[in-house]
């Protein structure tokens, strides 16, 4: 009987530490246009374990569904930073940012103004 109780407690403990295969999260990602949208979503989806990535041009919110057993938010952020887009608290390296098309230079106030409607 004691063995069954111990086994039961071990199974409960293991289940509570299981990672979610359909975790949902949102990130703030800088960008200004539909080309940015495509680039951000493509970088996210190419990250192993990301199932859905949808970036909103107006709100700059990236909605994600991903498998926590295969990836993490940090890895997804790294993929986005690598293609030149800042996430809320981390700036992309200048080299990556400078590789963006001129119309995608979201750090340039004039470019941002040009995309406002």
C-alpha atoms as a PDB file:
ATOM      1  CA  UNK A   1       0.000   0.000   0.000  1.00  0.00           C
ATOM      2  CA  UNK A   2       2.844   2.343   0.865  1.00  0.00           C
ATOM      3  CA  UNK A   3       4.381   1.735  -2.548  1.00  0.00           C
ATOM      4  CA  UNK A   4       1.141   2.706  -4.289  1.00  0.00           C
ATOM      5  CA  UNK A   5       0.944   5.978  -2.362  1.00  0.00           C
ATOM      6  CA  UNK A   6       4.561   6.837  -3.172  1.00  0.00           C
ATOM      7  CA  UNK A   7       4.020   5.941  -6.837  1.00  0.00           C
ATOM      8  CA  UNK A   8       0.862   8.064  -6.940  1.00  0.00           C
ATOM      9  CA  UNK A   9       2.676  11.057  -5.446  1.00  0.00           C
ATOM     10  CA  UNK A  10       5.514  10.665  -7.949  1.00  0.00           C
ATOM     11  CA  UNK A  11       3.067  10.649 -10.869  1.00  0.00           C
ATOM     12  CA  UNK A  12       1.287  13.743  -9.560  1.00  0.00           C
ATOM     13  CA  UNK A  13       4.624  15.519  -9.118  1.00  0.00           C
ATOM     14  CA  UNK A  14       5.728  14.614 -12.631  1.00  0.00           C
ATOM     15  CA  UNK A  15       2.454  15.797 -14.141  1.00  0.00           C
ATOM     16  CA  UNK A  16       2.741  19.185 -12.446  1.00  0.00           C
ATOM     17  CA  UNK A  17       6.139  19.800 -14.059  1.00  0.00           C
ATOM     18  CA  UNK A  18       5.026  18.791 -17.564  1.00  0.00           C
ATOM     19  CA  UNK A  19       5.562  21.424 -20.234  1.00  0.00           C
ATOM     20  CA  UNK A  20       2.713  22.678 -22.356  1.00  0.00           C
ATOM     21  CA  UNK A  21       2.709  21.589 -25.987  1.00  0.00           C
ATOM     22  CA  UNK A  22       0.285  24.404 -26.885  1.00  0.00           C
ATOM     23  CA  UNK A  23       1.594  27.310 -24.807  1.00  0.00           C
ATOM     24  CA  UNK A  24       0.282  30.744 -25.729  1.00  0.00           C
ATOM     25  CA  UNK A  25       2.175  33.996 -25.356  1.00  0.00           C
ATOM     26  CA  UNK A  26       2.346  37.497 -26.743  1.00  0.00           C
ATOM     27  CA  UNK A  27       5.394  39.649 -27.377  1.00  0.00           C
ATOM     28  CA  UNK A  28       5.771  43.273 -28.337  1.00  0.00           C
ATOM     29  CA  UNK A  29       7.864  43.463 -31.516  1.00  0.00           C
ATOM     30  CA  UNK A  30       8.799  46.658 -33.377  1.00  0.00           C
ATOM     31  CA  UNK A  31       8.047  47.031 -37.066  1.00  0.00           C
ATOM     32  CA  UNK A  32       6.041  49.263 -39.402  1.00  0.00           C
ATOM     33  CA  UNK A  33       4.683  47.456 -42.458  1.00  0.00           C
ATOM     34  CA  UNK A  34       3.495  44.241 -44.065  1.00  0.00           C
ATOM     35  CA  UNK A  35       7.056  43.349 -45.065  1.00  0.00           C
ATOM     36  CA  UNK A  36       7.940  43.532 -41.360  1.00  0.00           C
ATOM     37  CA  UNK A  37       4.918  41.346 -40.574  1.00  0.00           C
ATOM     38  CA  UNK A  38       6.087  38.684 -43.017  1.00  0.00           C
ATOM     39  CA  UNK A  39       9.666  38.784 -41.705  1.00  0.00           C
ATOM     40  CA  UNK A  40       8.659  38.620 -38.021  1.00  0.00           C
ATOM     41  CA  UNK A  41       6.187  35.789 -38.546  1.00  0.00           C
ATOM     42  CA  UNK A  42       8.611  33.825 -40.742  1.00  0.00           C
ATOM     43  CA  UNK A  43      11.426  34.151 -38.172  1.00  0.00           C
ATOM     44  CA  UNK A  44       9.055  32.967 -35.449  1.00  0.00           C
ATOM     45  CA  UNK A  45       7.678  30.011 -37.403  1.00  0.00           C
ATOM     46  CA  UNK A  46      11.189  28.883 -38.379  1.00  0.00           C
ATOM     47  CA  UNK A  47      11.948  28.485 -34.677  1.00  0.00           C
ATOM     48  CA  UNK A  48      11.467  24.781 -33.956  1.00  0.00           C
ATOM     49  CA  UNK A  49       8.338  24.265 -31.871  1.00  0.00           C
ATOM     50  CA  UNK A  50       6.446  27.395 -32.939  1.00  0.00           C
ATOM     51  CA  UNK A  51       3.075  26.428 -34.389  1.00  0.00           C
ATOM     52  CA  UNK A  52       1.357  29.793 -34.901  1.00  0.00           C
ATOM     53  CA  UNK A  53       2.770  33.317 -35.160  1.00  0.00           C
ATOM     54  CA  UNK A  54       0.622  36.339 -35.977  1.00  0.00           C
ATOM     55  CA  UNK A  55       1.998  39.887 -35.745  1.00  0.00           C
ATOM     56  CA  UNK A  56      -0.370  42.868 -35.753  1.00  0.00           C
ATOM     57  CA  UNK A  57       1.000  45.879 -37.663  1.00  0.00           C
ATOM     58  CA  UNK A  58      -0.985  48.442 -35.621  1.00  0.00           C
ATOM     59  CA  UNK A  59      -0.494  47.073 -32.098  1.00  0.00           C
ATOM     60  CA  UNK A  60       2.968  45.527 -32.682  1.00  0.00           C
ATOM     61  CA  UNK A  61       1.765  42.479 -30.761  1.00  0.00           C
ATOM     62  CA  UNK A  62       3.012  39.059 -31.801  1.00  0.00           C
ATOM     63  CA  UNK A  63       0.646  36.261 -30.758  1.00  0.00           C
ATOM     64  CA  UNK A  64       2.272  32.848 -30.483  1.00  0.00           C
ATOM     65  CA  UNK A  65       1.326  29.225 -29.953  1.00  0.00           C
ATOM     66  CA  UNK A  66       4.363  27.031 -29.333  1.00  0.00           C
ATOM     67  CA  UNK A  67       5.533  23.767 -27.806  1.00  0.00           C
ATOM     68  CA  UNK A  68       7.442  24.478 -24.583  1.00  0.00           C
ATOM     69  CA  UNK A  69       9.097  21.058 -24.862  1.00  0.00           C
ATOM     70  CA  UNK A  70      10.868  22.196 -28.047  1.00  0.00           C
ATOM     71  CA  UNK A  71      11.460  25.926 -27.608  1.00  0.00           C
ATOM     72  CA  UNK A  72      11.192  28.889 -25.254  1.00  0.00           C
ATOM     73  CA  UNK A  73      10.243  32.540 -25.501  1.00  0.00           C
ATOM     74  CA  UNK A  74      13.939  33.400 -25.301  1.00  0.00           C
ATOM     75  CA  UNK A  75      14.712  31.298 -28.394  1.00  0.00           C
ATOM     76  CA  UNK A  76      11.817  32.876 -30.282  1.00  0.00           C
ATOM     77  CA  UNK A  77      13.057  36.346 -29.308  1.00  0.00           C
ATOM     78  CA  UNK A  78      16.555  35.435 -30.551  1.00  0.00           C
ATOM     79  CA  UNK A  79      15.125  34.491 -33.956  1.00  0.00           C
ATOM     80  CA  UNK A  80      13.248  37.791 -34.199  1.00  0.00           C
ATOM     81  CA  UNK A  81      16.270  39.827 -33.104  1.00  0.00           C
ATOM     82  CA  UNK A  82      18.415  38.029 -35.684  1.00  0.00           C
ATOM     83  CA  UNK A  83      16.237  39.347 -38.532  1.00  0.00           C
ATOM     84  CA  UNK A  84      16.514  42.941 -37.267  1.00  0.00           C
ATOM     85  CA  UNK A  85      13.416  43.543 -35.151  1.00  0.00           C
ATOM     86  CA  UNK A  86      13.483  44.780 -31.552  1.00  0.00           C
ATOM     87  CA  UNK A  87      11.429  42.998 -28.917  1.00  0.00           C
ATOM     88  CA  UNK A  88      10.038  44.953 -25.978  1.00  0.00           C
ATOM     89  CA  UNK A  89      13.125  44.959 -23.764  1.00  0.00           C
ATOM     90  CA  UNK A  90      15.911  43.969 -26.190  1.00  0.00           C
ATOM     91  CA  UNK A  91      17.247  45.815 -29.234  1.00  0.00           C
ATOM     92  CA  UNK A  92      18.358  43.951 -32.327  1.00  0.00           C
ATOM     93  CA  UNK A  93      22.027  44.319 -33.209  1.00  0.00           C
ATOM     94  CA  UNK A  94      22.732  47.260 -35.499  1.00  0.00           C
ATOM     95  CA  UNK A  95      24.066  44.916 -38.181  1.00  0.00           C
ATOM     96  CA  UNK A  96      20.746  43.040 -38.311  1.00  0.00           C
ATOM     97  CA  UNK A  97      18.680  46.256 -38.171  1.00  0.00           C
ATOM     98  CA  UNK A  98      20.729  47.882 -40.934  1.00  0.00           C
ATOM     99  CA  UNK A  99      20.016  44.927 -43.234  1.00  0.00           C
ATOM    100  CA  UNK A 100      16.289  45.826 -43.275  1.00  0.00           C
ATOM    101  CA  UNK A 101      14.765  47.486 -46.338  1.00  0.00           C
ATOM    102  CA  UNK A 102      14.652  51.295 -46.056  1.00  0.00           C
ATOM    103  CA  UNK A 103      10.844  51.236 -45.661  1.00  0.00           C
ATOM    104  CA  UNK A 104      11.188  48.916 -42.643  1.00  0.00           C
ATOM    105  CA  UNK A 105      13.507  51.142 -40.568  1.00  0.00           C
ATOM    106  CA  UNK A 106      11.112  51.414 -37.605  1.00  0.00           C
ATOM    107  CA  UNK A 107      13.669  53.328 -35.503  1.00  0.00           C
ATOM    108  CA  UNK A 108      13.546  56.215 -38.020  1.00  0.00           C
ATOM    109  CA  UNK A 109      10.791  58.686 -37.046  1.00  0.00           C
ATOM    110  CA  UNK A 110      10.199  59.712 -40.666  1.00  0.00           C
ATOM    111  CA  UNK A 111       9.649  56.108 -41.758  1.00  0.00           C
ATOM    112  CA  UNK A 112       7.162  55.630 -38.909  1.00  0.00           C
ATOM    113  CA  UNK A 113       5.314  58.810 -39.935  1.00  0.00           C
ATOM    114  CA  UNK A 114       5.246  57.663 -43.561  1.00  0.00           C
ATOM    115  CA  UNK A 115       3.442  54.463 -42.517  1.00  0.00           C
ATOM    116  CA  UNK A 116       0.781  56.203 -40.425  1.00  0.00           C
ATOM    117  CA  UNK A 117      -2.651  56.474 -42.012  1.00  0.00           C
END
